[in-house]
Amino acid sequence: MSRVGKKPITIPSGVTVAIKDSSLEVKGPKGTLTTLIPEGITFKQEDSALIAERTSEKDAAFHGLARALANNAVVGVTEGFKKEMDLVGVGYKAEVQGQKIVFALGYSHPVIYNLPQGIEAKAERVGQKTSINQYQLTLTLSGIDKQMLGQVAAELNRLRKPDAYKGKGVRYADKLYRLKPGKTGK
């Protein structure tokens, strides 16, 4: 039995859900999202709640997944999602120019990253020094699609992976990074 799959999704006012054969279309104040429904899972709407049901026990693995995807769509069109990235390193910069982010990450050339449609970015310089004596820049990503937002954050993280010894790189703001002591550290 899926504990996540059995929970009903409350639909706030101002949000409409259209149940189709293999997808859900969720419209809200921030936009419209379409979520695919796995085979063997059906949705029904009762009053202001959306309930996921499975047709057989062999589809139990997708029950919680389908409910979580539908809930992410409802939350996305009402509140949206946000992810913060930190650029830590001397001379590491990011400048948002429309749907492009231009990075200076210690390479011999600037790195240009094109943002997909629906994702917005904002760069802010943090005025205090970090524990490793470097200024820090915070990049805030926001959008209504949680999967796309996570994918963009992962691609930005891969542009300059955080160094294990000094911690320099494009890092997730909410993740704890442990630094290795190096040769002289015990």
N, C-alpha and C. Protein backbone atom coordinates (compact mmCIF):
# COMPACT_ATOMS: atom_id res chain seq x y z
N MET A 1 0.83 -1.18 0.00
CA MET A 1 0.00 0.00 0.00
C MET A 1 0.87 1.25 0.00
N SER A 2 0.56 2.17 -0.84
CA SER A 2 1.31 3.41 -0.93
C SER A 2 0.71 4.44 0.00
N ARG A 3 1.49 4.87 0.98
CA ARG A 3 0.99 5.88 1.91
C ARG A 3 0.87 7.23 1.22
N VAL A 4 1.83 7.53 0.35
CA VAL A 4 1.80 8.80 -0.37
C VAL A 4 0.65 8.80 -1.36
N GLY A 5 0.44 7.70 -2.04
CA GLY A 5 -0.59 7.62 -3.07
C GLY A 5 -2.00 7.74 -2.54
N LYS A 6 -2.23 7.35 -1.29
CA LYS A 6 -3.57 7.40 -0.71
C LYS A 6 -3.97 8.79 -0.25
N LYS A 7 -3.01 9.71 -0.05
CA LYS A 7 -3.34 11.05 0.41
C LYS A 7 -4.05 11.84 -0.69
N PRO A 8 -5.15 12.49 -0.36
CA PRO A 8 -5.79 13.34 -1.38
C PRO A 8 -5.01 14.65 -1.55
N ILE A 9 -5.07 15.20 -2.74
CA ILE A 9 -4.42 16.48 -3.05
C ILE A 9 -5.49 17.56 -2.95
N THR A 10 -5.31 18.51 -2.07
CA THR A 10 -6.28 19.61 -1.97
C THR A 10 -6.00 20.61 -3.09
N ILE A 11 -7.04 20.97 -3.78
CA ILE A 11 -6.93 21.92 -4.89
C ILE A 11 -7.37 23.29 -4.38
N PRO A 12 -6.45 24.26 -4.32
CA PRO A 12 -6.81 25.59 -3.84
C PRO A 12 -7.74 26.32 -4.83
N SER A 13 -8.38 27.37 -4.35
CA SER A 13 -9.26 28.14 -5.23
C SER A 13 -8.41 28.85 -6.28
N GLY A 14 -8.94 28.94 -7.47
CA GLY A 14 -8.21 29.56 -8.57
C GLY A 14 -7.43 28.56 -9.40
N VAL A 15 -7.46 27.28 -9.02
CA VAL A 15 -6.74 26.24 -9.76
C VAL A 15 -7.77 25.30 -10.37
N THR A 16 -7.61 25.02 -11.66
CA THR A 16 -8.50 24.07 -12.34
C THR A 16 -7.68 22.90 -12.83
N VAL A 17 -8.25 21.70 -12.69
CA VAL A 17 -7.58 20.48 -13.11
C VAL A 17 -8.43 19.81 -14.17
N ALA A 18 -7.83 19.53 -15.32
CA ALA A 18 -8.51 18.80 -16.40
C ALA A 18 -7.88 17.42 -16.49
N ILE A 19 -8.71 16.39 -16.25
CA ILE A 19 -8.22 15.00 -16.27
C ILE A 19 -8.46 14.45 -17.66
N LYS A 20 -7.35 14.07 -18.32
CA LYS A 20 -7.44 13.47 -19.65
C LYS A 20 -7.04 12.00 -19.54
N ASP A 21 -6.96 11.30 -20.67
CA ASP A 21 -6.65 9.86 -20.64
C ASP A 21 -5.30 9.56 -20.00
N SER A 22 -4.26 10.20 -20.48
CA SER A 22 -2.92 9.88 -19.98
C SER A 22 -2.20 11.08 -19.39
N SER A 23 -2.94 12.15 -19.08
CA SER A 23 -2.29 13.33 -18.52
C SER A 23 -3.26 14.16 -17.69
N LEU A 24 -2.67 15.00 -16.85
CA LEU A 24 -3.42 15.99 -16.07
C LEU A 24 -2.98 17.36 -16.54
N GLU A 25 -3.93 18.25 -16.73
CA GLU A 25 -3.59 19.62 -17.08
C GLU A 25 -4.03 20.51 -15.93
N VAL A 26 -3.07 21.17 -15.30
CA VAL A 26 -3.33 21.99 -14.12
C VAL A 26 -3.10 23.45 -14.50
N LYS A 27 -4.14 24.28 -14.31
CA LYS A 27 -4.05 25.71 -14.60
C LYS A 27 -4.20 26.47 -13.30
N GLY A 28 -3.33 27.46 -13.12
CA GLY A 28 -3.38 28.26 -11.92
C GLY A 28 -2.93 29.68 -12.19
N PRO A 29 -2.76 30.48 -11.13
CA PRO A 29 -2.37 31.87 -11.32
C PRO A 29 -0.98 32.06 -11.92
N LYS A 30 -0.07 31.10 -11.74
CA LYS A 30 1.29 31.25 -12.27
C LYS A 30 1.48 30.64 -13.64
N GLY A 31 0.52 29.84 -14.12
CA GLY A 31 0.67 29.24 -15.44
C GLY A 31 -0.04 27.91 -15.56
N THR A 32 0.33 27.16 -16.58
CA THR A 32 -0.28 25.87 -16.87
C THR A 32 0.80 24.80 -16.94
N LEU A 33 0.54 23.65 -16.31
CA LEU A 33 1.45 22.51 -16.37
C LEU A 33 0.68 21.27 -16.80
N THR A 34 1.32 20.43 -17.59
CA THR A 34 0.76 19.16 -17.99
C THR A 34 1.63 18.04 -17.42
N THR A 35 0.99 17.12 -16.70
CA THR A 35 1.70 16.02 -16.06
C THR A 35 1.21 14.71 -16.66
N LEU A 36 2.13 13.85 -17.05
CA LEU A 36 1.76 12.55 -17.58
C LEU A 36 1.35 11.62 -16.45
N ILE A 37 0.37 10.77 -16.71
CA ILE A 37 -0.11 9.79 -15.74
C ILE A 37 0.39 8.42 -16.18
N PRO A 38 1.08 7.67 -15.28
CA PRO A 38 1.52 6.32 -15.64
C PRO A 38 0.33 5.39 -15.90
N GLU A 39 0.57 4.35 -16.67
CA GLU A 39 -0.49 3.38 -16.95
C GLU A 39 -0.91 2.69 -15.68
N GLY A 40 -2.21 2.44 -15.55
CA GLY A 40 -2.72 1.75 -14.38
C GLY A 40 -3.13 2.69 -13.25
N ILE A 41 -2.90 3.98 -13.39
CA ILE A 41 -3.28 4.97 -12.38
C ILE A 41 -4.35 5.88 -12.97
N THR A 42 -5.40 6.12 -12.20
CA THR A 42 -6.45 7.03 -12.62
C THR A 42 -6.65 8.09 -11.54
N PHE A 43 -7.11 9.25 -11.95
CA PHE A 43 -7.39 10.34 -11.02
C PHE A 43 -8.88 10.66 -11.09
N LYS A 44 -9.44 11.02 -9.94
CA LYS A 44 -10.80 11.51 -9.93
C LYS A 44 -10.86 12.73 -9.02
N GLN A 45 -11.75 13.65 -9.37
CA GLN A 45 -11.85 14.90 -8.62
C GLN A 45 -13.16 14.88 -7.84
N GLU A 46 -13.04 15.06 -6.52
CA GLU A 46 -14.21 15.14 -5.64
C GLU A 46 -14.13 16.46 -4.89
N ASP A 47 -15.11 17.32 -5.09
CA ASP A 47 -15.16 18.64 -4.47
C ASP A 47 -13.86 19.39 -4.76
N SER A 48 -13.07 19.70 -3.74
CA SER A 48 -11.80 20.41 -3.94
C SER A 48 -10.61 19.50 -3.65
N ALA A 49 -10.75 18.21 -3.98
CA ALA A 49 -9.67 17.24 -3.75
C ALA A 49 -9.47 16.39 -4.99
N LEU A 50 -8.24 16.02 -5.22
CA LEU A 50 -7.88 15.15 -6.34
C LEU A 50 -7.35 13.86 -5.74
N ILE A 51 -7.90 12.73 -6.17
CA ILE A 51 -7.55 11.43 -5.57
C ILE A 51 -6.98 10.53 -6.66
N ALA A 52 -5.83 9.91 -6.33
CA ALA A 52 -5.18 8.96 -7.25
C ALA A 52 -5.60 7.54 -6.86
N GLU A 53 -5.98 6.76 -7.86
CA GLU A 53 -6.37 5.37 -7.63
C GLU A 53 -5.64 4.49 -8.62
N ARG A 54 -5.33 3.27 -8.19
CA ARG A 54 -4.68 2.32 -9.10
C ARG A 54 -5.65 1.21 -9.46
N THR A 55 -5.45 0.66 -10.65
CA THR A 55 -6.38 -0.36 -11.14
C THR A 55 -6.04 -1.74 -10.61
N SER A 56 -4.75 -2.02 -10.36
CA SER A 56 -4.38 -3.33 -9.83
C SER A 56 -3.17 -3.19 -8.90
N GLU A 57 -2.88 -4.25 -8.17
CA GLU A 57 -1.77 -4.23 -7.22
C GLU A 57 -0.42 -4.19 -7.92
N LYS A 58 -0.37 -4.62 -9.16
CA LYS A 58 0.91 -4.59 -9.86
C LYS A 58 1.32 -3.16 -10.24
N ASP A 59 0.39 -2.22 -10.17
CA ASP A 59 0.68 -0.82 -10.44
C ASP A 59 0.98 -0.03 -9.16
N ALA A 60 1.24 -0.72 -8.08
CA ALA A 60 1.45 -0.05 -6.79
C ALA A 60 2.71 0.80 -6.79
N ALA A 61 3.71 0.42 -7.57
CA ALA A 61 4.96 1.17 -7.60
C ALA A 61 4.77 2.59 -8.16
N PHE A 62 3.77 2.77 -9.02
CA PHE A 62 3.55 4.07 -9.64
C PHE A 62 2.50 4.92 -8.93
N HIS A 63 1.85 4.35 -7.92
CA HIS A 63 0.77 5.05 -7.24
C HIS A 63 1.27 6.32 -6.55
N GLY A 64 2.29 6.18 -5.72
CA GLY A 64 2.85 7.33 -5.02
C GLY A 64 3.52 8.31 -5.97
N LEU A 65 4.16 7.78 -7.02
CA LEU A 65 4.82 8.64 -8.00
C LEU A 65 3.81 9.54 -8.70
N ALA A 66 2.71 8.96 -9.16
CA ALA A 66 1.71 9.73 -9.89
C ALA A 66 1.09 10.81 -9.00
N ARG A 67 0.84 10.47 -7.74
CA ARG A 67 0.27 11.45 -6.81
C ARG A 67 1.26 12.57 -6.54
N ALA A 68 2.56 12.23 -6.38
CA ALA A 68 3.58 13.25 -6.12
C ALA A 68 3.75 14.18 -7.32
N LEU A 69 3.71 13.65 -8.52
CA LEU A 69 3.83 14.48 -9.72
C LEU A 69 2.64 15.43 -9.85
N ALA A 70 1.44 14.93 -9.54
CA ALA A 70 0.25 15.78 -9.61
C ALA A 70 0.31 16.87 -8.53
N ASN A 71 0.77 16.50 -7.34
CA ASN A 71 0.88 17.48 -6.26
C ASN A 71 1.92 18.56 -6.61
N ASN A 72 3.05 18.16 -7.21
CA ASN A 72 4.06 19.13 -7.63
C ASN A 72 3.49 20.10 -8.66
N ALA A 73 2.62 19.62 -9.53
CA ALA A 73 2.00 20.50 -10.53
C ALA A 73 1.07 21.50 -9.85
N VAL A 74 0.30 21.05 -8.87
CA VAL A 74 -0.63 21.95 -8.16
C VAL A 74 0.15 23.00 -7.37
N VAL A 75 1.19 22.57 -6.66
CA VAL A 75 2.01 23.51 -5.89
C VAL A 75 2.74 24.48 -6.82
N GLY A 76 3.21 23.98 -7.95
CA GLY A 76 3.94 24.82 -8.91
C GLY A 76 3.12 25.95 -9.48
N VAL A 77 1.86 25.67 -9.85
CA VAL A 77 1.04 26.72 -10.46
C VAL A 77 0.47 27.68 -9.43
N THR A 78 0.52 27.34 -8.13
CA THR A 78 0.03 28.26 -7.10
C THR A 78 1.17 29.04 -6.46
N GLU A 79 2.21 28.34 -5.97
CA GLU A 79 3.30 29.00 -5.26
C GLU A 79 4.58 29.09 -6.08
N GLY A 80 4.86 28.09 -6.89
CA GLY A 80 6.12 28.01 -7.62
C GLY A 80 7.21 27.38 -6.77
N PHE A 81 8.34 27.10 -7.38
CA PHE A 81 9.47 26.50 -6.70
C PHE A 81 10.68 27.40 -6.83
N LYS A 82 11.61 27.26 -5.88
CA LYS A 82 12.81 28.11 -5.86
C LYS A 82 13.99 27.26 -5.43
N LYS A 83 15.14 27.48 -6.06
CA LYS A 83 16.37 26.79 -5.71
C LYS A 83 17.49 27.82 -5.71
N GLU A 84 18.36 27.74 -4.70
CA GLU A 84 19.46 28.68 -4.60
C GLU A 84 20.78 27.97 -4.81
N MET A 85 21.66 28.63 -5.57
CA MET A 85 23.00 28.12 -5.85
C MET A 85 24.00 29.17 -5.39
N ASP A 86 25.11 28.73 -4.82
CA ASP A 86 26.17 29.64 -4.39
C ASP A 86 27.37 29.49 -5.30
N LEU A 87 27.95 30.61 -5.73
CA LEU A 87 29.20 30.61 -6.48
C LEU A 87 30.28 31.02 -5.50
N VAL A 88 31.14 30.08 -5.16
CA VAL A 88 32.19 30.33 -4.18
C VAL A 88 33.52 30.22 -4.89
N GLY A 89 34.32 31.27 -4.83
CA GLY A 89 35.63 31.26 -5.44
C GLY A 89 36.05 32.66 -5.81
N VAL A 90 37.34 32.91 -5.79
CA VAL A 90 37.87 34.22 -6.14
C VAL A 90 37.66 34.45 -7.64
N GLY A 91 36.97 35.53 -7.98
CA GLY A 91 36.73 35.86 -9.37
C GLY A 91 35.56 35.14 -10.01
N TYR A 92 34.86 34.31 -9.28
CA TYR A 92 33.70 33.61 -9.84
C TYR A 92 32.52 34.58 -9.86
N LYS A 93 31.94 34.75 -11.04
CA LYS A 93 30.86 35.71 -11.21
C LYS A 93 29.76 35.10 -12.07
N ALA A 94 28.57 35.65 -11.94
CA ALA A 94 27.45 35.29 -12.81
C ALA A 94 26.65 36.55 -13.08
N GLU A 95 26.27 36.71 -14.33
CA GLU A 95 25.48 37.88 -14.72
C GLU A 95 24.29 37.38 -15.54
N VAL A 96 23.09 37.75 -15.11
CA VAL A 96 21.88 37.33 -15.80
C VAL A 96 21.54 38.36 -16.87
N GLN A 97 21.42 37.88 -18.11
CA GLN A 97 21.10 38.75 -19.25
C GLN A 97 19.89 38.15 -19.97
N GLY A 98 18.70 38.50 -19.52
CA GLY A 98 17.48 37.95 -20.11
C GLY A 98 17.35 36.48 -19.80
N GLN A 99 17.36 35.64 -20.83
CA GLN A 99 17.26 34.19 -20.65
C GLN A 99 18.63 33.51 -20.72
N LYS A 100 19.70 34.29 -20.50
CA LYS A 100 21.06 33.75 -20.49
C LYS A 100 21.73 34.10 -19.17
N ILE A 101 22.61 33.21 -18.74
CA ILE A 101 23.47 33.50 -17.59
C ILE A 101 24.90 33.39 -18.10
N VAL A 102 25.69 34.45 -17.89
CA VAL A 102 27.10 34.47 -18.30
C VAL A 102 27.94 34.28 -17.05
N PHE A 103 28.69 33.18 -17.03
CA PHE A 103 29.52 32.83 -15.88
C PHE A 103 30.98 33.12 -16.14
N ALA A 104 31.70 33.54 -15.10
CA ALA A 104 33.16 33.58 -15.10
C ALA A 104 33.56 32.61 -13.98
N LEU A 105 34.04 31.42 -14.37
CA LEU A 105 34.28 30.35 -13.40
C LEU A 105 35.74 29.91 -13.36
N GLY A 106 36.65 30.79 -13.73
CA GLY A 106 38.06 30.43 -13.69
C GLY A 106 38.58 29.78 -14.95
N TYR A 107 37.73 29.64 -15.96
CA TYR A 107 38.17 29.11 -17.24
C TYR A 107 38.74 30.27 -18.06
N SER A 108 39.35 29.96 -19.20
CA SER A 108 39.91 31.00 -20.05
C SER A 108 38.85 31.74 -20.86
N HIS A 109 37.60 31.28 -20.78
CA HIS A 109 36.53 31.88 -21.55
C HIS A 109 35.28 31.99 -20.67
N PRO A 110 34.38 32.90 -20.97
CA PRO A 110 33.12 32.95 -20.22
C PRO A 110 32.23 31.76 -20.62
N VAL A 111 31.49 31.24 -19.66
CA VAL A 111 30.57 30.13 -19.91
C VAL A 111 29.17 30.72 -20.00
N ILE A 112 28.49 30.46 -21.12
CA ILE A 112 27.14 30.99 -21.32
C ILE A 112 26.15 29.84 -21.19
N TYR A 113 25.18 30.02 -20.31
CA TYR A 113 24.14 29.01 -20.11
C TYR A 113 22.79 29.62 -20.48
N ASN A 114 22.10 28.99 -21.43
CA ASN A 114 20.77 29.44 -21.86
C ASN A 114 19.71 28.80 -20.98
N LEU A 115 18.91 29.63 -20.33
CA LEU A 115 17.84 29.12 -19.47
C LEU A 115 16.68 28.62 -20.31
N PRO A 116 16.07 27.50 -19.94
CA PRO A 116 14.89 27.05 -20.67
C PRO A 116 13.69 27.94 -20.38
N GLN A 117 12.68 27.84 -21.22
CA GLN A 117 11.47 28.63 -21.05
C GLN A 117 10.79 28.26 -19.74
N GLY A 118 10.41 29.24 -18.95
CA GLY A 118 9.71 28.99 -17.69
C GLY A 118 10.60 29.06 -16.46
N ILE A 119 11.92 29.18 -16.64
CA ILE A 119 12.84 29.28 -15.52
C ILE A 119 13.43 30.69 -15.51
N GLU A 120 13.40 31.31 -14.34
CA GLU A 120 13.96 32.65 -14.18
C GLU A 120 15.13 32.59 -13.22
N ALA A 121 16.09 33.50 -13.39
CA ALA A 121 17.26 33.54 -12.53
C ALA A 121 17.51 34.96 -12.05
N LYS A 122 18.09 35.05 -10.86
CA LYS A 122 18.45 36.34 -10.29
C LYS A 122 19.76 36.15 -9.53
N ALA A 123 20.74 37.02 -9.79
CA ALA A 123 22.05 36.92 -9.14
C ALA A 123 22.17 38.02 -8.09
N GLU A 124 22.61 37.64 -6.89
CA GLU A 124 22.80 38.58 -5.79
C GLU A 124 24.16 38.35 -5.16
N ARG A 125 24.87 39.41 -4.90
CA ARG A 125 26.17 39.30 -4.24
C ARG A 125 25.96 39.35 -2.74
N VAL A 126 26.53 38.38 -2.05
CA VAL A 126 26.44 38.34 -0.60
C VAL A 126 27.60 39.16 -0.07
N GLY A 127 27.32 40.14 0.79
CA GLY A 127 28.31 41.11 1.22
C GLY A 127 29.33 40.63 2.22
N GLN A 128 29.19 39.44 2.76
CA GLN A 128 30.16 38.99 3.75
C GLN A 128 31.05 37.91 3.17
N LYS A 129 32.21 37.75 3.78
CA LYS A 129 33.13 36.72 3.31
C LYS A 129 32.71 35.38 3.90
N THR A 130 32.98 34.32 3.15
CA THR A 130 32.68 32.98 3.64
C THR A 130 33.82 32.51 4.53
N SER A 131 33.67 31.30 5.04
CA SER A 131 34.68 30.78 5.97
C SER A 131 36.03 30.54 5.30
N ILE A 132 36.06 30.50 3.99
CA ILE A 132 37.33 30.27 3.30
C ILE A 132 37.84 31.55 2.64
N ASN A 133 37.47 32.70 3.21
CA ASN A 133 37.95 34.03 2.80
C ASN A 133 37.70 34.34 1.33
N GLN A 134 36.52 34.05 0.86
CA GLN A 134 36.15 34.38 -0.50
C GLN A 134 34.76 34.99 -0.49
N TYR A 135 34.55 35.98 -1.36
CA TYR A 135 33.21 36.54 -1.48
C TYR A 135 32.33 35.54 -2.20
N GLN A 136 31.05 35.67 -1.95
CA GLN A 136 30.12 34.68 -2.46
C GLN A 136 29.01 35.35 -3.24
N LEU A 137 28.54 34.70 -4.28
CA LEU A 137 27.45 35.18 -5.09
C LEU A 137 26.34 34.13 -5.04
N THR A 138 25.12 34.55 -4.80
CA THR A 138 23.99 33.62 -4.75
C THR A 138 23.16 33.78 -6.00
N LEU A 139 22.86 32.66 -6.63
CA LEU A 139 22.04 32.62 -7.83
C LEU A 139 20.72 31.97 -7.45
N THR A 140 19.62 32.70 -7.59
CA THR A 140 18.31 32.18 -7.23
C THR A 140 17.56 31.81 -8.49
N LEU A 141 17.20 30.53 -8.61
CA LEU A 141 16.43 30.02 -9.75
C LEU A 141 15.00 29.82 -9.31
N SER A 142 14.04 30.18 -10.14
CA SER A 142 12.64 29.99 -9.79
C SER A 142 11.86 29.59 -11.03
N GLY A 143 10.78 28.84 -10.79
CA GLY A 143 9.92 28.39 -11.87
C GLY A 143 8.77 27.57 -11.34
N ILE A 144 7.86 27.16 -12.21
CA ILE A 144 6.70 26.40 -11.76
C ILE A 144 6.89 24.89 -11.94
N ASP A 145 7.83 24.47 -12.78
CA ASP A 145 8.07 23.06 -13.03
C ASP A 145 9.23 22.57 -12.17
N LYS A 146 8.94 21.73 -11.18
CA LYS A 146 9.95 21.29 -10.22
C LYS A 146 11.03 20.42 -10.89
N GLN A 147 10.63 19.56 -11.82
CA GLN A 147 11.60 18.71 -12.50
C GLN A 147 12.57 19.52 -13.34
N MET A 148 12.07 20.48 -14.10
CA MET A 148 12.93 21.29 -14.94
C MET A 148 13.86 22.16 -14.09
N LEU A 149 13.35 22.67 -12.98
CA LEU A 149 14.16 23.50 -12.08
C LEU A 149 15.31 22.68 -11.49
N GLY A 150 15.04 21.46 -11.08
CA GLY A 150 16.10 20.59 -10.56
C GLY A 150 17.12 20.23 -11.62
N GLN A 151 16.67 20.04 -12.85
CA GLN A 151 17.58 19.73 -13.95
C GLN A 151 18.50 20.90 -14.26
N VAL A 152 17.96 22.12 -14.26
CA VAL A 152 18.77 23.32 -14.51
C VAL A 152 19.81 23.48 -13.40
N ALA A 153 19.39 23.28 -12.14
CA ALA A 153 20.32 23.40 -11.02
C ALA A 153 21.44 22.36 -11.12
N ALA A 154 21.12 21.16 -11.53
CA ALA A 154 22.14 20.11 -11.69
C ALA A 154 23.11 20.45 -12.82
N GLU A 155 22.61 21.02 -13.91
CA GLU A 155 23.48 21.41 -15.02
C GLU A 155 24.40 22.56 -14.63
N LEU A 156 23.89 23.51 -13.83
CA LEU A 156 24.74 24.61 -13.35
C LEU A 156 25.81 24.09 -12.40
N ASN A 157 25.45 23.11 -11.57
CA ASN A 157 26.40 22.51 -10.64
C ASN A 157 27.53 21.81 -11.39
N ARG A 158 27.22 21.22 -12.55
CA ARG A 158 28.23 20.51 -13.34
C ARG A 158 29.17 21.45 -14.09
N LEU A 159 28.81 22.75 -14.21
CA LEU A 159 29.70 23.68 -14.90
C LEU A 159 31.03 23.81 -14.16
N ARG A 160 30.98 23.81 -12.83
CA ARG A 160 32.20 23.83 -12.01
C ARG A 160 31.86 23.13 -10.71
N LYS A 161 32.15 21.83 -10.67
CA LYS A 161 31.86 21.03 -9.48
C LYS A 161 32.61 21.59 -8.29
N PRO A 162 32.02 21.58 -7.08
CA PRO A 162 32.73 22.07 -5.90
C PRO A 162 33.99 21.27 -5.62
N ASP A 163 35.07 21.98 -5.34
CA ASP A 163 36.36 21.38 -5.05
C ASP A 163 36.31 20.72 -3.67
N ALA A 164 36.91 19.55 -3.53
CA ALA A 164 36.86 18.82 -2.27
C ALA A 164 37.77 19.42 -1.21
N TYR A 165 38.77 20.21 -1.60
CA TYR A 165 39.74 20.73 -0.64
C TYR A 165 39.46 22.17 -0.23
N LYS A 166 39.05 23.01 -1.17
CA LYS A 166 38.79 24.42 -0.85
C LYS A 166 37.31 24.78 -0.90
N GLY A 167 36.49 23.97 -1.54
CA GLY A 167 35.07 24.23 -1.61
C GLY A 167 34.65 25.18 -2.70
N LYS A 168 35.57 25.53 -3.61
CA LYS A 168 35.26 26.47 -4.68
C LYS A 168 34.43 25.78 -5.76
N GLY A 169 33.46 26.52 -6.29
CA GLY A 169 32.65 26.00 -7.38
C GLY A 169 31.23 26.49 -7.30
N VAL A 170 30.36 25.91 -8.12
CA VAL A 170 28.93 26.22 -8.11
C VAL A 170 28.28 25.19 -7.19
N ARG A 171 27.79 25.66 -6.03
CA ARG A 171 27.29 24.75 -5.00
C ARG A 171 25.81 24.98 -4.73
N TYR A 172 25.15 23.93 -4.26
CA TYR A 172 23.78 24.06 -3.78
C TYR A 172 23.83 24.78 -2.45
N ALA A 173 22.96 25.75 -2.22
CA ALA A 173 22.99 26.56 -1.00
C ALA A 173 22.55 25.76 0.23
N ASP A 174 21.66 24.78 0.04
CA ASP A 174 21.13 24.06 1.18
C ASP A 174 21.87 22.75 1.48
N LYS A 175 22.92 22.45 0.74
CA LYS A 175 23.67 21.22 0.94
C LYS A 175 24.91 21.50 1.78
N LEU A 176 25.22 20.59 2.71
CA LEU A 176 26.39 20.73 3.55
C LEU A 176 27.57 20.06 2.84
N TYR A 177 28.65 20.81 2.66
CA TYR A 177 29.84 20.29 1.99
C TYR A 177 30.94 20.11 3.03
N ARG A 178 31.52 18.93 3.08
CA ARG A 178 32.64 18.67 3.97
C ARG A 178 33.92 18.78 3.16
N LEU A 179 34.88 19.53 3.69
CA LEU A 179 36.14 19.72 2.99
C LEU A 179 37.16 18.73 3.52
N LYS A 180 38.00 18.21 2.61
CA LYS A 180 39.05 17.30 3.00
C LYS A 180 40.19 18.12 3.60
N PRO A 181 40.95 17.56 4.54
CA PRO A 181 42.00 18.35 5.20
C PRO A 181 43.24 18.59 4.34
N GLY A 182 43.52 17.81 3.33
CA GLY A 182 44.71 17.99 2.51
C GLY A 182 45.89 17.22 3.07
N LYS A 183 47.10 17.49 2.54
CA LYS A 183 48.29 16.74 2.93
C LYS A 183 48.70 17.02 4.37
N THR A 184 48.69 18.31 4.76
CA THR A 184 49.21 18.66 6.07
C THR A 184 48.18 18.51 7.18
N GLY A 185 46.91 18.42 6.84
CA GLY A 185 45.86 18.30 7.86
C GLY A 185 45.82 16.88 8.43
N LYS A 186 45.57 16.80 9.69
CA LYS A 186 45.46 15.49 10.34
C LYS A 186 44.07 15.30 10.87
